[in-house]
Amino acid sequence: MSDKSELKAELERKKQRLAQIREEKKRKEEERKKKELDGRKEGASPPQDDSDLERKRREAEALLQSMGIVDASM
């Protein structure tokens, strides 16, 4: 029976750890969104940790705008 109780205890520890990880992830996401909103309010430049894809997208949009092509989705 000790095996069963050990397994239950281990499962509970893992559940608690998973809950901690999820809470941390949620907190970080909320902080990231808050920073993003604050940056927009201040008119600051985009965050430096943008992904390469996001940076390339902005560069492409700027190039198209300089050529007089406007994005229809905006």
N, C-alpha and C. Protein backbone atom coordinates (compact mmCIF):
# COMPACT_ATOMS: atom_id res chain seq x y z
N MET A 1 0.81 -1.20 0.00
CA MET A 1 0.00 0.00 0.00
C MET A 1 0.85 1.26 0.00
N SER A 2 2.06 1.17 0.51
CA SER A 2 2.90 2.37 0.54
C SER A 2 3.21 2.84 -0.87
N ASP A 3 3.30 1.90 -1.82
CA ASP A 3 3.53 2.29 -3.21
C ASP A 3 2.38 3.17 -3.72
N LYS A 4 1.18 2.77 -3.39
CA LYS A 4 0.01 3.52 -3.84
C LYS A 4 -0.02 4.91 -3.23
N SER A 5 0.28 5.01 -1.95
CA SER A 5 0.28 6.33 -1.31
C SER A 5 1.43 7.19 -1.81
N GLU A 6 2.56 6.57 -2.12
CA GLU A 6 3.69 7.31 -2.69
C GLU A 6 3.32 7.85 -4.07
N LEU A 7 2.65 7.02 -4.85
CA LEU A 7 2.23 7.45 -6.18
C LEU A 7 1.23 8.60 -6.09
N LYS A 8 0.31 8.51 -5.15
CA LYS A 8 -0.66 9.59 -4.97
C LYS A 8 0.03 10.88 -4.55
N ALA A 9 1.00 10.75 -3.64
CA ALA A 9 1.73 11.93 -3.18
C ALA A 9 2.52 12.55 -4.33
N GLU A 10 3.15 11.69 -5.14
CA GLU A 10 3.91 12.19 -6.28
C GLU A 10 2.98 12.88 -7.29
N LEU A 11 1.83 12.29 -7.51
CA LEU A 11 0.85 12.90 -8.42
C LEU A 11 0.42 14.27 -7.91
N GLU A 12 0.18 14.38 -6.63
CA GLU A 12 -0.20 15.67 -6.05
C GLU A 12 0.91 16.70 -6.21
N ARG A 13 2.15 16.28 -5.98
CA ARG A 13 3.29 17.20 -6.16
C ARG A 13 3.36 17.68 -7.62
N LYS A 14 3.16 16.75 -8.53
CA LYS A 14 3.21 17.11 -9.95
C LYS A 14 2.06 18.06 -10.31
N LYS A 15 0.89 17.82 -9.76
CA LYS A 15 -0.25 18.71 -10.01
C LYS A 15 0.04 20.11 -9.48
N GLN A 16 0.63 20.19 -8.29
CA GLN A 16 0.96 21.49 -7.72
C GLN A 16 2.01 22.20 -8.57
N ARG A 17 3.01 21.46 -9.02
CA ARG A 17 4.06 22.05 -9.86
C ARG A 17 3.46 22.56 -11.17
N LEU A 18 2.57 21.78 -11.76
CA LEU A 18 1.92 22.18 -13.00
C LEU A 18 1.10 23.45 -12.79
N ALA A 19 0.40 23.52 -11.68
CA ALA A 19 -0.38 24.72 -11.37
C ALA A 19 0.54 25.93 -11.22
N GLN A 20 1.70 25.74 -10.58
CA GLN A 20 2.66 26.84 -10.43
C GLN A 20 3.17 27.30 -11.79
N ILE A 21 3.49 26.34 -12.65
CA ILE A 21 4.00 26.68 -13.98
C ILE A 21 2.94 27.45 -14.77
N ARG A 22 1.70 26.98 -14.71
CA ARG A 22 0.63 27.67 -15.42
C ARG A 22 0.42 29.08 -14.89
N GLU A 23 0.47 29.24 -13.58
CA GLU A 23 0.28 30.56 -12.97
C GLU A 23 1.41 31.50 -13.39
N GLU A 24 2.63 30.99 -13.39
CA GLU A 24 3.79 31.80 -13.80
C GLU A 24 3.65 32.21 -15.27
N LYS A 25 3.23 31.28 -16.11
CA LYS A 25 3.05 31.57 -17.53
C LYS A 25 1.97 32.64 -17.71
N LYS A 26 0.88 32.52 -16.98
CA LYS A 26 -0.21 33.49 -17.06
C LYS A 26 0.27 34.87 -16.60
N ARG A 27 1.04 34.91 -15.50
CA ARG A 27 1.55 36.17 -14.98
C ARG A 27 2.49 36.84 -15.99
N LYS A 28 3.37 36.05 -16.60
CA LYS A 28 4.30 36.60 -17.58
C LYS A 28 3.56 37.13 -18.80
N GLU A 29 2.52 36.42 -19.24
CA GLU A 29 1.74 36.87 -20.38
C GLU A 29 1.04 38.18 -20.07
N GLU A 30 0.49 38.30 -18.86
CA GLU A 30 -0.17 39.54 -18.47
C GLU A 30 0.83 40.69 -18.40
N GLU A 31 2.03 40.43 -17.90
CA GLU A 31 3.07 41.47 -17.85
C GLU A 31 3.46 41.90 -19.26
N ARG A 32 3.58 40.92 -20.15
CA ARG A 32 3.96 41.23 -21.53
C ARG A 32 2.89 42.10 -22.19
N LYS A 33 1.63 41.74 -21.98
CA LYS A 33 0.54 42.53 -22.56
C LYS A 33 0.51 43.93 -21.97
N LYS A 34 0.76 44.04 -20.67
CA LYS A 34 0.76 45.36 -20.02
C LYS A 34 1.89 46.22 -20.59
N LYS A 35 3.07 45.64 -20.76
CA LYS A 35 4.19 46.39 -21.33
C LYS A 35 3.87 46.82 -22.75
N GLU A 36 3.23 45.93 -23.51
CA GLU A 36 2.88 46.25 -24.89
C GLU A 36 1.89 47.42 -24.93
N LEU A 37 0.90 47.38 -24.06
CA LEU A 37 -0.08 48.47 -24.01
C LEU A 37 0.57 49.78 -23.55
N ASP A 38 1.45 49.70 -22.56
CA ASP A 38 2.14 50.89 -22.08
C ASP A 38 3.00 51.47 -23.20
N GLY A 39 3.65 50.62 -23.96
CA GLY A 39 4.48 51.07 -25.08
C GLY A 39 3.65 51.78 -26.13
N ARG A 40 2.47 51.28 -26.39
CA ARG A 40 1.61 51.91 -27.39
C ARG A 40 1.11 53.25 -26.89
N LYS A 41 0.78 53.34 -25.61
CA LYS A 41 0.29 54.59 -25.04
C LYS A 41 1.36 55.67 -25.11
N GLU A 42 2.60 55.28 -24.87
CA GLU A 42 3.70 56.25 -24.85
C GLU A 42 4.21 56.54 -26.26
N GLY A 43 3.78 55.76 -27.23
CA GLY A 43 4.26 55.96 -28.59
C GLY A 43 5.69 55.49 -28.74
N ALA A 44 6.10 54.60 -27.89
CA ALA A 44 7.47 54.10 -27.91
C ALA A 44 7.67 53.16 -29.10
N SER A 45 8.93 52.93 -29.40
CA SER A 45 9.26 51.99 -30.46
C SER A 45 8.89 50.58 -30.02
N PRO A 46 8.75 49.66 -30.97
CA PRO A 46 8.40 48.29 -30.63
C PRO A 46 9.44 47.67 -29.71
N PRO A 47 9.05 46.70 -28.91
CA PRO A 47 9.99 46.06 -27.99
C PRO A 47 11.16 45.43 -28.74
N GLN A 48 12.31 45.42 -28.12
CA GLN A 48 13.51 44.90 -28.75
C GLN A 48 13.49 43.38 -28.89
N ASP A 49 12.70 42.69 -28.08
CA ASP A 49 12.71 41.24 -28.11
C ASP A 49 11.71 40.67 -29.11
N ASP A 50 11.27 41.48 -30.09
CA ASP A 50 10.36 40.98 -31.11
C ASP A 50 11.01 39.83 -31.87
N SER A 51 10.19 38.95 -32.33
CA SER A 51 10.70 37.83 -33.10
C SER A 51 11.22 38.33 -34.44
N ASP A 52 12.05 37.54 -35.05
CA ASP A 52 12.60 37.87 -36.35
C ASP A 52 11.48 38.02 -37.37
N LEU A 53 10.49 37.16 -37.29
CA LEU A 53 9.36 37.21 -38.21
C LEU A 53 8.60 38.52 -38.08
N GLU A 54 8.35 38.95 -36.85
CA GLU A 54 7.63 40.20 -36.62
C GLU A 54 8.44 41.39 -37.16
N ARG A 55 9.73 41.38 -36.95
CA ARG A 55 10.59 42.46 -37.44
C ARG A 55 10.55 42.51 -38.97
N LYS A 56 10.62 41.35 -39.60
CA LYS A 56 10.57 41.29 -41.06
C LYS A 56 9.22 41.76 -41.59
N ARG A 57 8.15 41.43 -40.87
CA ARG A 57 6.81 41.85 -41.28
C ARG A 57 6.72 43.38 -41.27
N ARG A 58 7.24 43.99 -40.20
CA ARG A 58 7.20 45.45 -40.12
C ARG A 58 8.05 46.08 -41.22
N GLU A 59 9.21 45.48 -41.51
CA GLU A 59 10.05 46.01 -42.57
C GLU A 59 9.35 45.93 -43.92
N ALA A 60 8.67 44.81 -44.17
CA ALA A 60 7.95 44.64 -45.43
C ALA A 60 6.82 45.65 -45.54
N GLU A 61 6.09 45.86 -44.45
CA GLU A 61 5.00 46.85 -44.46
C GLU A 61 5.54 48.25 -44.74
N ALA A 62 6.66 48.59 -44.13
CA ALA A 62 7.25 49.91 -44.34
C ALA A 62 7.69 50.07 -45.80
N LEU A 63 8.26 49.02 -46.36
CA LEU A 63 8.70 49.07 -47.75
C LEU A 63 7.50 49.25 -48.68
N LEU A 64 6.44 48.50 -48.44
CA LEU A 64 5.24 48.63 -49.26
C LEU A 64 4.63 50.02 -49.14
N GLN A 65 4.60 50.57 -47.94
CA GLN A 65 4.06 51.91 -47.75
C GLN A 65 4.90 52.95 -48.48
N SER A 66 6.22 52.76 -48.46
CA SER A 66 7.09 53.72 -49.14
C SER A 66 6.87 53.67 -50.66
N MET A 67 6.38 52.53 -51.15
CA MET A 67 6.10 52.39 -52.58
C MET A 67 4.67 52.81 -52.91
N GLY A 68 3.91 53.22 -51.89
CA GLY A 68 2.54 53.68 -52.11
C GLY A 68 1.51 52.57 -52.08
N ILE A 69 1.90 51.39 -51.63
CA ILE A 69 0.96 50.27 -51.53
C ILE A 69 0.48 50.20 -50.09
N VAL A 70 -0.84 50.32 -49.91
CA VAL A 70 -1.42 50.34 -48.57
C VAL A 70 -2.05 48.98 -48.30
N ASP A 71 -1.86 48.48 -47.08
CA ASP A 71 -2.44 47.21 -46.67
C ASP A 71 -3.96 47.35 -46.56
N ALA A 72 -4.70 46.52 -47.27
CA ALA A 72 -6.17 46.60 -47.28
C ALA A 72 -6.77 46.13 -45.97
N SER A 73 -6.07 45.33 -45.19
CA SER A 73 -6.62 44.80 -43.93
C SER A 73 -6.60 45.84 -42.83
N MET A 74 -5.95 46.96 -43.03
CA MET A 74 -5.87 47.99 -41.99
C MET A 74 -7.01 48.87 -42.08
